[in-house]
Structures are given as structure tokens and as C-alpha cells.
Amino acid sequence: MKRFVISAVLLLSCAVSALAADQKLIALTFDDGPRPYVLYGVNKAGESKVDSLLNLLDQQNVKATFFVMGWRLTPKTWGERHETNIGVTCIDAAKDVLKRGHEIENHTYSHEQLKLFEKRHGAAGALADIDRCSTVIKSATGEQAKYLRPPDWILPADLRPQIEARGYRVLTIASENPIAIRDVNSLDYLCVGKATQCPKPSLAESALKQIAVREKQGVTTDILAFHELSTTVTTLETLIPELKKRGYRFVRLDEYMKLVSVNPPVSKGR
């Protein structure tokens, strides 16, 4: 059975690679939002300046995919206490994200690691947390989530088939996904606040190196995983133009999957 699974993954990788061989694509994604102060920026006295992520994406004509925490999409919520309240709720920010042509997907409702969540609440509880996120996304935006990125990419092996049976595509950095549809971890969370492990010489250069390694493996399609952080725009101001200069085209995740992927799982109902 193990040999069969490995063979199936290899065949799937070859199929995906063949479909994507003549393309240079980037699906730019962001986790942990909506964070209005990151999306719109902060520029007022007494607050640390934060440039607008949405404005940068508009300026660069880049459409992205945002994996949101469901709890943020509840009425009158603007974020956590340490986040600057700019007078825009997370729900209003999510609606604007869609209006600008971006995509919103599922990062679970609680944002708790699913392995721990399953241990405390069982598989049914973990699935309910995922579905709850999709429910609030649909309620706030009218859109149905199709993709799930588990918090910290940690997912119990027994849970994945059940998630896929509900119609979700699971994004991961693990080898279960063929390399072309395997997340590229930007490591941006290592560059926030007092963090001392930020890649050198820069986060943008680190991402470019990861992409170059994949190119040597014959892969020129990448799902880049970032977070909605106060430092994100500074990195992307360098990274996006450089990738364009190297011939890459930015697309939303749904288009990316159509161009490079095999058929999605068939939903058996949520």
C-alpha cells in the first residue's frame, strides 16, 4: 500500500509538471486576516507607519488569495487588541478585498492547530471548525470557500480525506501535494517584532532563492505563502517587480489551480 501511494504521488507530480511546463506562474497568498490596518495601512501620529497591502496590489495589478480566520468575520470585529483600529471592520475589509478582484479562502474559524483541535474536540469538532469558517465567509461575502490552508500547515493524516470528501482542496508544504501545488513558505513570520531569525540578506531574496531552487527541479509555478503583517508590503515592493522581470505572471489561486493542477476533490456534502 505504501509503495502504491508513493507511486501515485509521483505520477500526479509528473502530470502536474507536464501541464505547467511552459508557464511561469505565481499564486500570491496571505494568511491570518482580514487585518484592516495591514490591508489599508496606518499613517497617523503616535502609530507605527504601515503601508497599504491592497494599494500595492492595485498598483502592481496583482490579484491575490487571502486565507482568513473565521472569527474575524463576525460583526463589529476589527482585530486583536494589539492591532491598530483604523475604523474599518474585518467584514467590510473582506467585502472590499473581493470587490478589488481578490479571492477569500478558509484558514479555519479558530486558527487553532488542527492536530490539537482534533485531540480536544475530535475529528467532528475539527471539521465543524473548518465548516464554520466557510459559513461566515459565505455570510459576509456571498462566496463559497474552496481551499483550506491549515494553521501552521499541521494536519492529522486521518483528517485530510474527510476534509477533501467535503470538497476542499488542502494546501500544504508537505510532500502529499505534488511540488507544483505545494506551498512555498516565505518565512515572513520570522521577520516580525523582536524576531531574530529573519532570512538574510532579505526576505525577498530568500523567497527568490526558494523559487530558483524549484526552477532547477523544472518547476516554474509557485504558490507563495505570506501573512498579513506590518512588514509584508516592504518585502513585496521588491519581490513582485523582480518576479515580473523574470517572466512570472501573477494569478489568483483558483486560476492557478485550473492552469497547473489535476481535478479537485468531489464534494460529498458539508
Protein backbone atom coordinates (compact mmCIF):
# COMPACT_ATOMS: atom_id res chain seq x y z
CA MET A 1 0.00 0.00 0.00
CA LYS A 2 2.80 2.45 0.91
CA ARG A 3 4.55 1.72 -2.43
CA PHE A 4 1.27 2.36 -4.25
CA VAL A 5 0.77 5.73 -2.51
CA ILE A 6 4.32 6.82 -3.36
CA SER A 7 3.82 5.79 -6.99
CA ALA A 8 0.53 7.68 -7.15
CA VAL A 9 2.16 10.84 -5.81
CA LEU A 10 4.97 10.57 -8.36
CA LEU A 11 2.51 10.08 -11.23
CA LEU A 12 0.48 13.05 -10.00
CA SER A 13 3.63 15.18 -9.80
CA CYS A 14 4.53 14.27 -13.39
CA ALA A 15 1.01 15.09 -14.60
CA VAL A 16 1.01 18.48 -12.88
CA SER A 17 4.54 19.28 -14.09
CA ALA A 18 3.61 18.41 -17.68
CA LEU A 19 0.61 20.74 -17.58
CA ALA A 20 2.69 23.60 -16.17
CA ALA A 21 5.92 23.05 -18.09
CA ASP A 22 5.56 26.06 -20.37
CA GLN A 23 4.25 28.52 -17.75
CA LYS A 24 5.79 30.81 -15.15
CA LEU A 25 3.06 31.46 -12.63
CA ILE A 26 2.83 32.84 -9.09
CA ALA A 27 -0.22 32.48 -6.85
CA LEU A 28 0.35 35.07 -4.12
CA THR A 29 -1.46 34.18 -0.89
CA PHE A 30 -1.85 35.74 2.55
CA ASP A 31 -2.86 34.11 5.84
CA ASP A 32 -4.35 35.28 9.15
CA GLY A 33 -6.56 38.16 8.01
CA PRO A 34 -8.51 40.16 7.37
CA ARG A 35 -6.32 42.70 9.18
CA PRO A 36 -7.65 46.12 8.15
CA TYR A 37 -4.60 48.01 9.40
CA VAL A 38 -2.40 45.91 7.06
CA LEU A 39 -4.80 45.98 4.13
CA TYR A 40 -5.30 49.76 4.25
CA GLY A 41 -2.19 50.90 6.10
CA VAL A 42 -1.61 53.18 9.06
CA ASN A 43 -0.27 56.71 8.73
CA LYS A 44 -1.14 58.78 11.77
CA ALA A 45 0.71 60.39 14.64
CA GLY A 46 1.62 58.10 17.50
CA GLU A 47 1.32 54.92 15.43
CA SER A 48 3.99 52.91 13.58
CA LYS A 49 3.60 53.54 9.85
CA VAL A 50 2.23 50.62 7.85
CA ASP A 51 1.87 50.80 4.06
CA SER A 52 -1.33 49.55 2.43
CA LEU A 53 -1.16 46.00 1.06
CA LEU A 54 -4.26 46.45 -1.09
CA ASN A 55 -2.91 49.64 -2.64
CA LEU A 56 0.35 47.90 -3.54
CA LEU A 57 -1.52 45.02 -5.18
CA ASP A 58 -3.64 47.50 -7.13
CA GLN A 59 -0.57 49.43 -8.25
CA GLN A 60 1.14 46.24 -9.40
CA ASN A 61 -2.06 44.88 -11.00
CA VAL A 62 -1.73 41.69 -8.95
CA LYS A 63 -4.71 39.63 -7.81
CA ALA A 64 -4.12 37.54 -4.69
CA THR A 65 -5.81 34.99 -2.44
CA PHE A 66 -6.49 35.68 1.24
CA PHE A 67 -6.87 32.81 3.75
CA VAL A 68 -8.92 34.27 6.58
CA MET A 69 -9.60 33.36 10.19
CA GLY A 70 -13.33 32.87 10.55
CA TRP A 71 -13.61 34.54 13.95
CA ARG A 72 -12.58 37.83 12.37
CA LEU A 73 -15.67 37.77 10.13
CA THR A 74 -18.06 38.40 12.98
CA PRO A 75 -19.97 41.69 13.37
CA LYS A 76 -18.10 44.75 14.71
CA THR A 77 -14.77 42.90 14.80
CA TRP A 78 -11.71 44.88 13.68
CA GLY A 79 -8.95 42.63 15.02
CA GLU A 80 -6.99 41.75 18.12
CA ARG A 81 -6.19 44.25 20.87
CA HIS A 82 -2.63 44.88 19.72
CA GLU A 83 -3.80 45.70 16.18
CA THR A 84 -4.46 49.31 15.26
CA ASN A 85 -8.16 50.08 14.89
CA ILE A 86 -8.44 52.18 11.72
CA GLY A 87 -12.24 52.30 11.82
CA VAL A 88 -12.81 49.50 9.28
CA THR A 89 -14.28 46.17 10.38
CA CYS A 90 -12.89 42.88 9.17
CA ILE A 91 -16.17 42.12 7.39
CA ASP A 92 -16.06 45.40 5.47
CA ALA A 93 -12.40 44.74 4.62
CA ALA A 94 -13.27 41.26 3.32
CA LYS A 95 -16.00 42.66 1.10
CA ASP A 96 -13.57 45.22 -0.31
CA VAL A 97 -10.95 42.52 -0.92
CA LEU A 98 -13.45 40.71 -3.14
CA LYS A 99 -14.58 43.94 -4.81
CA ARG A 100 -10.96 44.56 -5.86
CA GLY A 101 -10.86 41.18 -7.57
CA HIS A 102 -9.07 39.08 -4.98
CA GLU A 103 -10.13 35.71 -3.56
CA ILE A 104 -11.02 34.71 0.02
CA GLU A 105 -10.43 31.19 1.32
CA ASN A 106 -10.51 29.14 4.53
CA HIS A 107 -7.87 29.25 7.31
CA THR A 108 -10.24 27.69 9.90
CA TYR A 109 -12.51 29.59 12.27
CA SER A 110 -10.46 29.40 15.48
CA HIS A 111 -6.98 29.35 13.89
CA GLU A 112 -6.01 26.58 16.27
CA GLN A 113 -3.68 23.85 15.00
CA LEU A 114 -6.00 21.13 13.75
CA LYS A 115 -3.98 18.35 15.38
CA LEU A 116 -4.53 19.93 18.80
CA PHE A 117 -8.13 20.82 17.97
CA GLU A 118 -8.89 17.23 16.97
CA LYS A 119 -7.28 15.95 20.15
CA ARG A 120 -9.56 18.16 22.26
CA HIS A 121 -12.76 18.08 20.24
CA GLY A 122 -12.48 15.03 18.00
CA ALA A 123 -12.49 14.84 14.22
CA ALA A 124 -16.10 16.04 14.05
CA GLY A 125 -15.16 19.14 16.05
CA ALA A 126 -12.22 19.91 13.79
CA LEU A 127 -14.37 19.54 10.67
CA ALA A 128 -17.00 21.76 12.25
CA ASP A 129 -14.38 24.46 12.87
CA ILE A 130 -13.42 24.38 9.19
CA ASP A 131 -17.04 24.46 8.04
CA ARG A 132 -17.80 27.28 10.47
CA CYS A 133 -15.16 29.38 8.75
CA SER A 134 -16.73 28.68 5.36
CA THR A 135 -20.14 29.61 6.76
CA VAL A 136 -19.02 33.06 7.95
CA ILE A 137 -17.15 33.66 4.68
CA LYS A 138 -20.35 32.87 2.77
CA SER A 139 -22.44 35.02 5.12
CA ALA A 140 -20.09 38.02 4.89
CA THR A 141 -19.21 37.87 1.21
CA GLY A 142 -21.61 35.54 -0.56
CA GLU A 143 -18.66 33.42 -1.73
CA GLN A 144 -18.09 29.71 -1.02
CA ALA A 145 -14.60 28.75 0.15
CA LYS A 146 -12.97 26.04 -1.97
CA TYR A 147 -9.49 25.83 -0.44
CA LEU A 148 -8.20 25.20 3.07
CA ARG A 149 -4.79 26.05 4.44
CA PRO A 150 -4.46 24.51 7.94
CA PRO A 151 -2.83 26.74 10.57
CA ASP A 152 0.94 26.13 10.59
CA TRP A 153 0.29 23.54 7.83
CA ILE A 154 -0.28 20.95 10.58
CA LEU A 155 -2.95 18.43 9.66
CA PRO A 156 -3.66 14.96 11.13
CA ALA A 157 -3.34 12.31 8.43
CA ASP A 158 -6.76 10.85 9.25
CA LEU A 159 -8.45 14.23 8.85
CA ARG A 160 -7.32 15.09 5.32
CA PRO A 161 -9.50 12.51 3.48
CA GLN A 162 -12.53 13.73 5.44
CA ILE A 163 -11.76 17.35 4.55
CA GLU A 164 -11.32 16.51 0.88
CA ALA A 165 -14.55 14.50 0.93
CA ARG A 166 -16.26 17.77 1.84
CA GLY A 167 -14.95 19.36 -1.34
CA TYR A 168 -11.99 21.36 -0.03
CA ARG A 169 -8.57 21.40 -1.67
CA VAL A 170 -5.91 21.27 1.07
CA LEU A 171 -2.82 23.45 0.73
CA THR A 172 0.30 22.21 2.46
CA ILE A 173 4.10 22.29 2.42
CA ALA A 174 4.18 18.52 2.85
CA SER A 175 5.08 16.02 0.11
CA GLU A 176 1.49 14.71 -0.09
CA ASN A 177 0.94 17.51 -2.60
CA PRO A 178 2.82 17.45 -5.91
CA ILE A 179 5.55 20.08 -5.87
CA ALA A 180 3.75 22.44 -8.26
CA ILE A 181 0.81 22.69 -5.84
CA ARG A 182 2.90 22.63 -2.68
CA ASP A 183 3.14 25.89 -0.75
CA VAL A 184 6.38 27.89 -0.75
CA ASN A 185 6.85 29.12 2.82
CA SER A 186 8.02 32.75 2.72
CA LEU A 187 9.15 32.59 6.39
CA ASP A 188 7.82 36.15 6.82
CA TYR A 189 6.68 35.38 10.38
CA LEU A 190 10.38 35.20 11.32
CA CYS A 191 10.78 38.89 10.50
CA VAL A 192 8.20 40.47 12.81
CA GLY A 193 8.81 42.39 16.02
CA LYS A 194 11.76 41.10 18.00
CA ALA A 195 12.26 38.02 15.82
CA THR A 196 15.94 37.33 15.19
CA GLN A 197 15.71 34.54 12.59
CA CYS A 198 14.70 36.63 9.58
CA PRO A 199 16.38 35.25 6.44
CA LYS A 200 19.45 37.17 5.25
CA PRO A 201 20.15 39.33 3.37
CA SER A 202 16.41 39.94 3.00
CA LEU A 203 13.07 38.15 2.99
CA ALA A 204 12.57 38.96 -0.70
CA GLU A 205 15.96 37.47 -1.56
CA SER A 206 15.13 34.36 0.47
CA ALA A 207 11.89 33.86 -1.48
CA LEU A 208 13.73 34.33 -4.78
CA LYS A 209 16.26 31.69 -3.75
CA GLN A 210 13.49 29.20 -2.96
CA ILE A 211 11.93 29.85 -6.34
CA ALA A 212 15.33 29.41 -8.05
CA VAL A 213 15.76 26.01 -6.35
CA ARG A 214 12.36 24.93 -7.67
CA GLU A 215 13.30 26.14 -11.15
CA LYS A 216 16.31 23.79 -11.07
CA GLN A 217 13.83 20.98 -10.41
CA GLY A 218 11.90 22.03 -13.51
CA VAL A 219 9.11 23.77 -11.59
CA THR A 220 8.17 27.29 -12.66
CA THR A 221 4.82 27.57 -10.90
CA ASP A 222 4.70 28.61 -7.25
CA ILE A 223 2.14 29.20 -4.52
CA LEU A 224 3.79 31.80 -2.27
CA ALA A 225 2.52 31.81 1.32
CA PHE A 226 2.75 35.12 3.17
CA HIS A 227 0.86 36.58 6.12
CA GLU A 228 -0.95 39.86 6.62
CA LEU A 229 1.86 41.52 8.56
CA SER A 230 3.03 45.09 9.02
CA THR A 231 6.27 44.16 7.21
CA THR A 232 4.65 42.47 4.20
CA VAL A 233 4.43 45.44 1.83
CA THR A 234 8.12 46.32 2.20
CA THR A 235 9.06 42.83 1.04
CA LEU A 236 6.57 42.72 -1.82
CA GLU A 237 7.64 46.12 -3.16
CA THR A 238 10.89 44.39 -4.12
CA LEU A 239 9.67 40.85 -4.79
CA ILE A 240 6.75 41.47 -7.15
CA PRO A 241 8.63 43.63 -9.69
CA GLU A 242 11.61 41.25 -9.62
CA LEU A 243 9.45 38.21 -10.33
CA LYS A 244 7.71 40.06 -13.16
CA LYS A 245 11.11 40.93 -14.59
CA ARG A 246 11.97 37.22 -14.52
CA GLY A 247 8.90 36.43 -16.60
CA TYR A 248 6.45 35.33 -13.91
CA ARG A 249 2.74 36.11 -14.14
CA PHE A 250 0.63 36.59 -11.01
CA VAL A 251 -2.76 34.86 -10.85
CA ARG A 252 -5.33 34.07 -8.20
CA LEU A 253 -5.23 30.61 -6.67
CA ASP A 254 -8.39 29.46 -8.45
CA GLU A 255 -6.88 30.32 -11.85
CA TYR A 256 -3.53 28.82 -10.84
CA MET A 257 -5.15 25.50 -9.99
CA LYS A 258 -7.00 25.41 -13.32
CA LEU A 259 -3.75 26.01 -15.19
CA VAL A 260 -1.42 23.62 -13.38
CA SER A 261 -3.48 21.17 -11.39
CA VAL A 262 -5.45 17.97 -11.73
CA ASN A 263 -9.13 17.71 -10.95
CA PRO A 264 -10.25 18.93 -7.48
CA PRO A 265 -11.88 16.56 -4.98
CA VAL A 266 -15.60 15.91 -5.42
CA SER A 267 -17.70 17.15 -2.53
CA LYS A 268 -19.91 14.67 -0.71
CA GLY A 269 -21.60 17.48 1.19
CA ARG A 270 -20.60 19.69 4.10
